[in-house]
């Protein structure tokens, strides 16, 4: 049985009134490589800083080699190596002299260990050159060498592939696999791009808005994602489209792989009933205003007007705040993709009997009546002549439908005189 190296239990982090992390839990065993995946701002670096004791923990626990990071900091951190953001290197010194400086901090690191690490990271032919002459990939490998000099059991790397070319990413991948296998390290590596990590990580943990939305073995993720679908990595998308036909979805940039996987995981969890809403009463008007502000610049760049018509000062509903944000974000981004330039996207809320009627209208466009119901199918996309260039995966409205059904909210999608309208009916909550 593999030894447990890292355990995070229900980590919370607040800065002022803002909650950055909301109950982060994860585990890492000896020899594991965990891909810690999430978009920029999701909470990856904050989590890493809590694990390393670089920031205070609001609540929750971190155990490294069974030591509490708060109560036994020195014992917990003694066998940890890390690079947070960028490795600290003296550019005017040689790579070897940089390693000697770090070696002086440890009683157990001698010349033999330095030479061993140099060979391990593949810098033996350049180790005596000045770091200023190193490529970015070589500097990253030297940073890893610094982090593993003292034979840590846990190695933490924060976005180590940022800025690396494909060859640099390949070298880093091979190095980390070697460290996990030969040095028996547990490795946590963060990234916003699952496609870069899925080939060598054996575990994946996906974080979004400070919440862990999925933790799985990578093989389970691949099986879940490929259940009924096949995902191919290609270097010629036009030729791939010819070979695979019209039923295929071609994703041009590898970064879209992580969007696709994340959406498919979420849809799978919704359909299986594994995702439960965290109901609370809140003012949905405030959420809409925030989203309109967030997407206004994008609308302006597309020559569109995005506006919110607020017919009630407060609109309190009983729902999961995070899931309602997902619903509205998907509807707004869909409208941004399909609304012609110079037109409008109008979000409006008003009372209708005992419900709030929330509508998203994109003007100047219509959908064939035969296509309306098909839009909720997985991967279905309407006439491409109406779709702007985007990162669409064809899963947005499927997720919206499942989230609305989870809340028992009625909804409709139809053509109106002005354009296309998506309406949601939500019971009024009286305070």
Protein backbone atom coordinates (compact mmCIF):
# COMPACT_ATOMS: atom_id res chain seq x y z
CA UNK A 1 0.00 0.00 0.00
CA UNK A 2 1.36 3.42 -1.00
CA UNK A 3 2.11 5.87 1.78
CA UNK A 4 -0.08 8.96 1.99
CA UNK A 5 2.13 12.04 1.56
CA UNK A 6 -0.32 14.95 1.36
CA UNK A 7 -3.80 15.37 2.75
CA UNK A 8 -5.90 18.55 2.62
CA UNK A 9 -9.11 18.55 4.62
CA UNK A 10 -11.88 21.08 3.95
CA UNK A 11 -9.60 24.07 3.33
CA UNK A 12 -11.21 27.50 3.42
CA UNK A 13 -9.51 30.82 2.73
CA UNK A 14 -11.06 34.24 3.19
CA UNK A 15 -9.48 37.58 2.38
CA UNK A 16 -11.66 40.24 3.95
CA UNK A 17 -15.24 39.28 3.13
CA UNK A 18 -14.28 37.41 -0.04
CA UNK A 19 -14.07 33.62 0.21
CA UNK A 20 -11.29 32.45 -2.11
CA UNK A 21 -11.37 28.72 -1.29
CA UNK A 22 -14.54 26.87 -0.30
CA UNK A 23 -13.80 23.50 1.24
CA UNK A 24 -10.82 22.12 -0.69
CA UNK A 25 -10.03 18.46 0.02
CA UNK A 26 -7.48 16.32 -1.80
CA UNK A 27 -5.02 13.47 -1.16
CA UNK A 28 -1.72 12.49 -2.75
CA UNK A 29 0.19 9.25 -2.26
CA UNK A 30 3.82 8.31 -2.83
CA UNK A 31 4.58 8.05 -6.57
CA UNK A 32 1.38 9.86 -7.60
CA UNK A 33 1.37 12.73 -10.10
CA UNK A 34 -1.71 14.85 -9.49
CA UNK A 35 -2.81 17.32 -12.15
CA UNK A 36 -4.39 20.28 -10.33
CA UNK A 37 -6.48 21.83 -13.10
CA UNK A 38 -8.45 25.04 -13.26
CA UNK A 39 -8.78 28.33 -15.12
CA UNK A 40 -6.79 31.38 -14.07
CA UNK A 41 -8.20 32.74 -10.81
CA UNK A 42 -9.78 29.42 -9.81
CA UNK A 43 -7.74 29.15 -6.59
CA UNK A 44 -4.85 26.88 -7.60
CA UNK A 45 -2.00 29.11 -6.40
CA UNK A 46 -3.85 30.03 -3.21
CA UNK A 47 -4.30 26.32 -2.41
CA UNK A 48 -0.61 25.71 -3.02
CA UNK A 49 0.35 28.61 -0.74
CA UNK A 50 -1.82 27.19 2.06
CA UNK A 51 -0.21 23.76 1.63
CA UNK A 52 3.26 25.34 1.86
CA UNK A 53 2.38 27.52 4.85
CA UNK A 54 2.92 30.71 2.83
CA UNK A 55 -0.56 31.96 3.70
CA UNK A 56 -2.67 31.45 6.80
CA UNK A 57 -5.53 28.94 6.68
CA UNK A 58 -8.96 30.34 7.57
CA UNK A 59 -10.22 26.86 8.42
CA UNK A 60 -9.34 23.28 7.54
CA UNK A 61 -6.19 21.16 7.81
CA UNK A 62 -3.09 20.31 5.77
CA UNK A 63 -1.04 17.20 6.64
CA UNK A 64 2.31 16.44 5.00
CA UNK A 65 3.87 13.10 5.96
CA UNK A 66 1.32 13.03 8.81
CA UNK A 67 2.52 16.38 10.21
CA UNK A 68 0.09 19.30 10.59
CA UNK A 69 1.44 22.25 8.58
CA UNK A 70 0.27 24.71 11.26
CA UNK A 71 1.24 22.82 14.42
CA UNK A 72 4.46 21.14 13.18
CA UNK A 73 5.54 23.45 10.36
CA UNK A 74 9.26 22.59 10.36
CA UNK A 75 8.68 18.82 10.37
CA UNK A 76 5.90 19.07 7.76
CA UNK A 77 7.87 21.26 5.36
CA UNK A 78 11.22 19.47 5.80
CA UNK A 79 10.54 16.99 2.99
CA UNK A 80 8.81 19.38 0.56
CA UNK A 81 10.24 20.89 -2.62
CA UNK A 82 8.36 23.53 -4.58
CA UNK A 83 8.33 26.12 -7.32
CA UNK A 84 5.58 28.71 -6.92
CA UNK A 85 5.10 30.81 -10.06
CA UNK A 86 8.78 31.06 -11.15
CA UNK A 87 12.06 29.53 -9.89
CA UNK A 88 14.37 31.97 -8.09
CA UNK A 89 17.69 31.91 -9.92
CA UNK A 90 20.79 34.11 -10.01
CA UNK A 91 21.18 34.83 -13.72
CA UNK A 92 24.84 35.97 -13.49
CA UNK A 93 25.92 32.71 -11.83
CA UNK A 94 26.30 29.25 -13.35
CA UNK A 95 23.64 26.62 -12.86
CA UNK A 96 26.05 24.65 -10.68
CA UNK A 97 26.75 27.64 -8.40
CA UNK A 98 23.01 28.18 -8.01
CA UNK A 99 22.68 24.60 -6.82
CA UNK A 100 25.62 24.96 -4.42
CA UNK A 101 23.91 27.95 -2.78
CA UNK A 102 20.77 25.91 -2.13
CA UNK A 103 22.84 22.90 -1.02
CA UNK A 104 24.38 25.02 1.75
CA UNK A 105 20.93 25.22 3.36
CA UNK A 106 20.89 21.45 3.96
CA UNK A 107 23.29 19.38 6.02
CA UNK A 108 22.60 16.23 4.03
CA UNK A 109 23.27 17.59 0.49
CA UNK A 110 26.83 16.96 -0.72
CA UNK A 111 28.61 17.19 -4.09
CA UNK A 112 27.55 13.66 -4.97
CA UNK A 113 23.87 14.58 -4.55
CA UNK A 114 24.32 17.75 -6.64
CA UNK A 115 25.86 15.74 -9.47
CA UNK A 116 23.14 13.13 -9.16
CA UNK A 117 20.41 15.79 -9.47
CA UNK A 118 22.15 17.48 -12.41
CA UNK A 119 22.07 14.18 -14.30
CA UNK A 120 18.49 13.55 -13.23
CA UNK A 121 17.24 16.83 -14.76
CA UNK A 122 19.43 16.45 -17.87
CA UNK A 123 21.63 19.54 -17.46
CA UNK A 124 25.03 17.84 -17.26
CA UNK A 125 26.25 19.44 -20.51
CA UNK A 126 25.27 23.00 -19.56
CA UNK A 127 25.44 23.09 -15.77
CA UNK A 128 28.59 25.25 -15.69
CA UNK A 129 27.18 27.88 -18.09
CA UNK A 130 25.68 31.09 -16.77
CA UNK A 131 21.92 30.84 -16.22
CA UNK A 132 21.42 33.95 -18.38
CA UNK A 133 22.38 31.77 -21.36
CA UNK A 134 19.78 29.10 -20.54
CA UNK A 135 16.53 28.66 -22.42
CA UNK A 136 13.28 28.97 -20.44
CA UNK A 137 12.94 25.19 -20.37
CA UNK A 138 16.47 24.77 -18.99
CA UNK A 139 15.76 27.34 -16.27
CA UNK A 140 12.63 25.42 -15.30
CA UNK A 141 14.63 22.19 -15.04
CA UNK A 142 17.25 23.96 -12.94
CA UNK A 143 14.44 25.18 -10.68
CA UNK A 144 13.24 21.60 -10.29
CA UNK A 145 16.84 20.57 -9.49
CA UNK A 146 16.93 23.14 -6.68
CA UNK A 147 13.61 21.86 -5.35
CA UNK A 148 14.68 18.18 -5.20
CA UNK A 149 18.24 18.51 -3.85
CA UNK A 150 17.19 17.44 -0.35
CA UNK A 151 15.24 14.38 -1.61
CA UNK A 152 11.72 15.61 -0.82
CA UNK A 153 8.79 13.22 -0.66
CA UNK A 154 6.46 15.92 -1.99
CA UNK A 155 7.16 18.15 -5.01
CA UNK A 156 4.77 21.02 -5.79
CA UNK A 157 5.01 22.90 -9.09
CA UNK A 158 2.78 25.88 -9.89
CA UNK A 159 2.17 26.12 -13.67
CA UNK A 160 5.71 24.93 -14.59
CA UNK A 161 4.89 24.62 -18.31
CA UNK A 162 3.88 28.28 -18.75
CA UNK A 163 5.76 29.79 -21.66
CA UNK A 164 7.47 26.54 -22.65
CA UNK A 165 7.56 25.42 -26.26
CA UNK A 166 6.34 21.87 -27.13
CA UNK A 167 9.85 20.43 -26.73
CA UNK A 168 10.20 22.09 -23.32
CA UNK A 169 6.84 20.69 -22.21
CA UNK A 170 7.88 17.21 -23.40
CA UNK A 171 11.17 17.43 -21.44
CA UNK A 172 9.35 18.57 -18.29
CA UNK A 173 6.84 15.74 -18.65
CA UNK A 174 9.59 13.12 -18.97
CA UNK A 175 11.43 14.59 -15.97
CA UNK A 176 8.38 14.47 -13.68
CA UNK A 177 7.56 10.88 -14.63
CA UNK A 178 11.20 9.97 -13.87
CA UNK A 179 11.07 11.70 -10.45
CA UNK A 180 7.84 9.94 -9.47
CA UNK A 181 9.23 6.56 -10.52
CA UNK A 182 12.89 6.75 -9.47
CA UNK A 183 12.72 9.14 -6.49
CA UNK A 184 9.28 7.90 -5.34
CA UNK A 185 8.02 11.47 -5.05
CA UNK A 186 4.42 12.54 -4.80
CA UNK A 187 4.04 15.40 -7.30
CA UNK A 188 1.33 18.05 -7.43
CA UNK A 189 1.45 20.06 -10.64
CA UNK A 190 -1.01 22.88 -11.35
CA UNK A 191 -2.09 24.02 -14.79
CA UNK A 192 -5.01 25.62 -16.60
CA UNK A 193 -4.57 23.13 -19.46
CA UNK A 194 -5.57 19.51 -18.91
CA UNK A 195 -4.33 18.53 -22.38
CA UNK A 196 -0.72 19.19 -21.28
CA UNK A 197 -0.99 16.93 -18.24
CA UNK A 198 -3.41 14.13 -19.05
CA UNK A 199 -0.73 11.99 -20.75
CA UNK A 200 1.44 11.58 -17.64
CA UNK A 201 -0.66 12.34 -14.53
CA UNK A 202 -2.37 9.42 -12.84
CA UNK A 203 -4.80 11.62 -10.88
CA UNK A 204 -6.68 14.79 -11.70
CA UNK A 205 -8.34 17.37 -9.48
CA UNK A 206 -10.39 20.11 -11.16
CA UNK A 207 -11.02 23.39 -9.33
CA UNK A 208 -13.34 26.21 -10.35
CA UNK A 209 -14.22 29.35 -8.40
CA UNK A 210 -12.55 27.97 -5.28
CA UNK A 211 -14.52 24.69 -5.36
CA UNK A 212 -13.31 21.21 -6.30
CA UNK A 213 -15.73 20.04 -8.99
CA UNK A 214 -14.05 16.71 -9.78
CA UNK A 215 -11.38 14.43 -8.28
CA UNK A 216 -10.64 11.20 -10.15
CA UNK A 217 -8.02 8.82 -11.42
CA UNK A 218 -7.06 10.03 -14.90
CA UNK A 219 -8.15 6.70 -16.43
CA UNK A 220 -11.64 7.15 -14.95
CA UNK A 221 -11.75 10.66 -16.44
CA UNK A 222 -10.74 9.37 -19.86
CA UNK A 223 -13.33 6.59 -19.66
CA UNK A 224 -16.04 9.00 -18.57
CA UNK A 225 -15.14 11.47 -21.28
CA UNK A 226 -14.92 8.83 -23.99
CA UNK A 227 -18.18 7.07 -23.10
CA UNK A 228 -19.87 7.34 -26.48
CA UNK A 229 -17.25 9.71 -27.87
CA UNK A 230 -13.75 9.44 -29.27
CA UNK A 231 -11.20 12.21 -28.81
CA UNK A 232 -8.26 12.38 -31.23
CA UNK A 233 -5.30 14.74 -31.17
CA UNK A 234 -4.54 15.81 -34.77
CA UNK A 235 -2.15 18.20 -36.49
CA UNK A 236 -4.35 18.90 -39.54
CA UNK A 237 -7.92 19.77 -38.54
CA UNK A 238 -9.17 20.22 -42.13
CA UNK A 239 -8.00 16.74 -43.14
CA UNK A 240 -9.42 15.31 -39.90
CA UNK A 241 -12.80 16.83 -40.69
CA UNK A 242 -12.78 15.23 -44.14
CA UNK A 243 -11.94 11.84 -42.65
CA UNK A 244 -14.31 11.96 -39.67
CA UNK A 245 -17.29 13.54 -41.40
CA UNK A 246 -19.97 15.98 -40.27
CA UNK A 247 -20.75 14.21 -36.98
CA UNK A 248 -17.34 15.11 -35.58
CA UNK A 249 -16.44 18.09 -33.44
CA UNK A 250 -13.05 19.55 -34.32
CA UNK A 251 -11.31 21.55 -31.61
CA UNK A 252 -8.46 23.55 -33.10
CA UNK A 253 -6.41 24.53 -30.05
CA UNK A 254 -5.28 22.01 -27.45
CA UNK A 255 -6.36 24.38 -24.69
CA UNK A 256 -9.98 23.71 -25.68
CA UNK A 257 -9.52 20.08 -24.60
CA UNK A 258 -9.71 21.11 -20.95
CA UNK A 259 -12.92 23.07 -21.61
CA UNK A 260 -14.44 20.05 -23.34
CA UNK A 261 -13.38 17.60 -20.63
CA UNK A 262 -14.62 19.90 -17.86
CA UNK A 263 -18.00 20.35 -19.58
CA UNK A 264 -18.41 16.64 -20.24
CA UNK A 265 -17.52 15.73 -16.66
CA UNK A 266 -20.05 18.24 -15.38
CA UNK A 267 -22.76 17.02 -17.75
CA UNK A 268 -22.06 13.41 -16.78
CA UNK A 269 -22.37 14.25 -13.08
CA UNK A 270 -25.63 16.13 -13.73
CA UNK A 271 -27.16 13.28 -15.69
CA UNK A 272 -26.11 10.69 -13.09
CA UNK A 273 -27.57 12.75 -10.23
CA UNK A 274 -24.16 13.12 -8.55
CA UNK A 275 -24.30 16.93 -8.60
CA UNK A 276 -26.63 18.34 -5.95
CA UNK A 277 -27.61 22.03 -5.67
CA UNK A 278 -26.63 23.99 -2.58
CA UNK A 279 -29.88 25.94 -2.19
CA UNK A 280 -29.93 29.41 -0.66
CA UNK A 281 -32.05 32.56 -0.96
CA UNK A 282 -30.37 35.40 -2.86
CA UNK A 283 -31.10 38.43 -5.05
CA UNK A 284 -30.64 37.26 -8.65
CA UNK A 285 -30.59 40.88 -9.88
CA UNK A 286 -27.17 41.39 -8.31
CA UNK A 287 -25.83 38.27 -10.05
CA UNK A 288 -27.16 39.47 -13.42
CA UNK A 289 -25.59 42.93 -12.98
CA UNK A 290 -22.20 41.38 -12.21
CA UNK A 291 -22.37 39.14 -15.28
CA UNK A 292 -23.42 42.03 -17.53
CA UNK A 293 -20.44 44.05 -16.30
CA UNK A 294 -18.16 41.05 -16.85
CA UNK A 295 -19.29 40.52 -20.47
CA UNK A 296 -19.77 44.16 -21.57
CA UNK A 297 -16.28 44.51 -23.02
CA UNK A 298 -16.66 41.28 -24.99
CA UNK A 299 -20.00 42.57 -26.34
CA UNK A 300 -18.44 45.89 -27.35
CA UNK A 301 -15.61 44.11 -29.17
CA UNK A 302 -18.27 42.22 -31.15
CA UNK A 303 -20.17 45.50 -31.85
CA UNK A 304 -23.10 44.39 -29.68
CA UNK A 305 -25.12 46.11 -26.96
CA UNK A 306 -25.56 44.10 -23.74
CA UNK A 307 -28.13 45.50 -21.31
CA UNK A 308 -30.15 44.50 -18.24
CA UNK A 309 -33.76 45.73 -17.89
CA UNK A 310 -34.51 45.63 -14.16
CA UNK A 311 -38.27 45.85 -13.51
CA UNK A 312 -37.98 44.91 -9.83
CA UNK A 313 -35.48 46.35 -7.35
CA UNK A 314 -34.97 42.96 -5.70
CA UNK A 315 -35.69 39.51 -7.12
CA UNK A 316 -35.14 36.90 -4.43
CA UNK A 317 -35.08 33.25 -5.53
CA UNK A 318 -34.24 29.91 -3.91
CA UNK A 319 -31.41 28.35 -5.92
CA UNK A 320 -27.74 27.37 -6.04
CA UNK A 321 -25.87 30.64 -6.64
CA UNK A 322 -22.94 29.00 -8.43
CA UNK A 323 -25.20 26.95 -10.70
CA UNK A 324 -27.37 29.97 -11.53
CA UNK A 325 -24.19 31.81 -12.53
CA UNK A 326 -23.34 28.86 -14.83
CA UNK A 327 -26.80 28.97 -16.40
CA UNK A 328 -26.71 32.71 -17.08
CA UNK A 329 -23.10 32.68 -18.24
CA UNK A 330 -23.88 29.96 -20.80
CA UNK A 331 -26.93 31.88 -22.06
CA UNK A 332 -25.00 35.15 -22.38
CA UNK A 333 -22.00 33.59 -24.11
CA UNK A 334 -24.33 31.75 -26.50
CA UNK A 335 -26.05 35.03 -27.33
CA UNK A 336 -22.66 36.69 -27.89
CA UNK A 337 -21.73 33.96 -30.37
CA UNK A 338 -24.92 34.05 -32.44
CA UNK A 339 -26.07 37.69 -32.39
CA UNK A 340 -25.18 39.69 -35.54
CA UNK A 341 -23.10 42.91 -35.18
CA UNK A 342 -24.98 46.15 -34.32
CA UNK A 343 -27.74 44.14 -32.58
CA UNK A 344 -28.65 43.80 -28.88
CA UNK A 345 -28.63 41.21 -26.11
CA UNK A 346 -31.34 42.16 -23.61
CA UNK A 347 -31.68 40.49 -20.21
CA UNK A 348 -34.96 41.31 -18.48
CA UNK A 349 -36.66 40.21 -15.27
CA UNK A 350 -40.21 40.92 -14.13
CA UNK A 351 -42.98 39.36 -12.04
CA UNK A 352 -45.46 37.11 -13.79
CA UNK A 353 -48.13 35.65 -11.49
CA UNK A 354 -46.20 33.93 -8.64
CA UNK A 355 -42.94 33.68 -10.56
CA UNK A 356 -40.09 35.81 -11.82
CA UNK A 357 -39.73 35.63 -15.59
CA UNK A 358 -36.08 36.04 -16.56
CA UNK A 359 -35.48 36.35 -20.31
CA UNK A 360 -32.40 36.60 -22.48
CA UNK A 361 -33.19 37.99 -25.94
CA UNK A 362 -30.70 38.31 -28.78
CA UNK A 363 -32.11 40.52 -31.54
CA UNK A 364 -31.67 40.34 -35.28
CA UNK A 365 -31.58 36.55 -35.52
CA UNK A 366 -33.95 33.58 -35.70
CA UNK A 367 -33.67 29.80 -35.38
CA UNK A 368 -35.37 27.32 -37.67
CA UNK A 369 -38.31 25.86 -35.73
CA UNK A 370 -37.06 22.34 -36.52
CA UNK A 371 -33.77 23.10 -34.77
CA UNK A 372 -35.03 24.62 -31.51
CA UNK A 373 -35.44 21.35 -29.57
CA UNK A 374 -32.23 19.93 -31.02
CA UNK A 375 -30.20 22.76 -29.47
CA UNK A 376 -30.38 20.99 -26.11
CA UNK A 377 -28.71 17.86 -27.52
CA UNK A 378 -25.04 17.18 -26.78
CA UNK A 379 -22.67 18.64 -29.39
CA UNK A 380 -25.51 20.02 -31.52
CA UNK A 381 -24.60 23.29 -33.21
CA UNK A 382 -26.84 25.34 -35.47
CA UNK A 383 -25.99 26.58 -38.95
CA UNK A 384 -22.31 27.53 -38.85
CA UNK A 385 -22.96 30.64 -40.98
CA UNK A 386 -24.59 32.16 -37.87
CA UNK A 387 -21.84 31.19 -35.45
CA UNK A 388 -18.87 33.44 -34.73
CA UNK A 389 -15.41 31.98 -34.13
CA UNK A 390 -15.50 30.65 -30.57
CA UNK A 391 -14.38 28.00 -28.10
CA UNK A 392 -17.77 26.31 -28.26
CA UNK A 393 -17.93 22.63 -27.39
CA UNK A 394 -21.64 22.21 -28.14
CA UNK A 395 -22.49 21.31 -24.52
CA UNK A 396 -23.58 24.68 -23.12
CA UNK A 397 -27.35 24.35 -23.54
CA UNK A 398 -27.29 20.69 -22.45
CA UNK A 399 -25.75 21.84 -19.17
CA UNK A 400 -28.28 24.69 -18.88
CA UNK A 401 -31.21 22.28 -19.42
CA UNK A 402 -29.94 19.84 -16.78
CA UNK A 403 -29.25 22.58 -14.23
CA UNK A 404 -32.72 24.07 -14.71
CA UNK A 405 -34.33 20.65 -14.32
CA UNK A 406 -32.29 20.14 -11.16
CA UNK A 407 -33.93 23.31 -9.78
CA UNK A 408 -37.40 22.41 -11.11
CA UNK A 409 -37.42 25.71 -13.03
CA UNK A 410 -39.58 25.88 -16.15
CA UNK A 411 -37.96 27.29 -19.28
CA UNK A 412 -38.72 28.04 -22.93
CA UNK A 413 -36.78 28.81 -26.10
CA UNK A 414 -38.61 30.43 -29.00
CA UNK A 415 -38.49 32.94 -31.84
CA UNK A 416 -40.13 36.31 -31.19
CA UNK A 417 -40.52 39.38 -33.40
CA UNK A 418 -37.25 40.91 -32.15
CA UNK A 419 -35.15 37.74 -32.36
CA UNK A 420 -34.63 34.66 -30.15
CA UNK A 421 -35.76 34.49 -26.52
CA UNK A 422 -34.74 32.08 -23.75
CA UNK A 423 -37.00 32.47 -20.70
CA UNK A 424 -36.71 30.98 -17.21
CA UNK A 425 -39.58 30.90 -14.69
CA UNK A 426 -38.50 30.95 -11.03
CA UNK A 427 -40.81 30.95 -7.97
CA UNK A 428 -40.84 34.25 -6.07
CA UNK A 429 -39.40 34.13 -2.56
CA UNK A 430 -40.94 36.64 -0.15
CA UNK A 431 -38.74 37.90 2.69
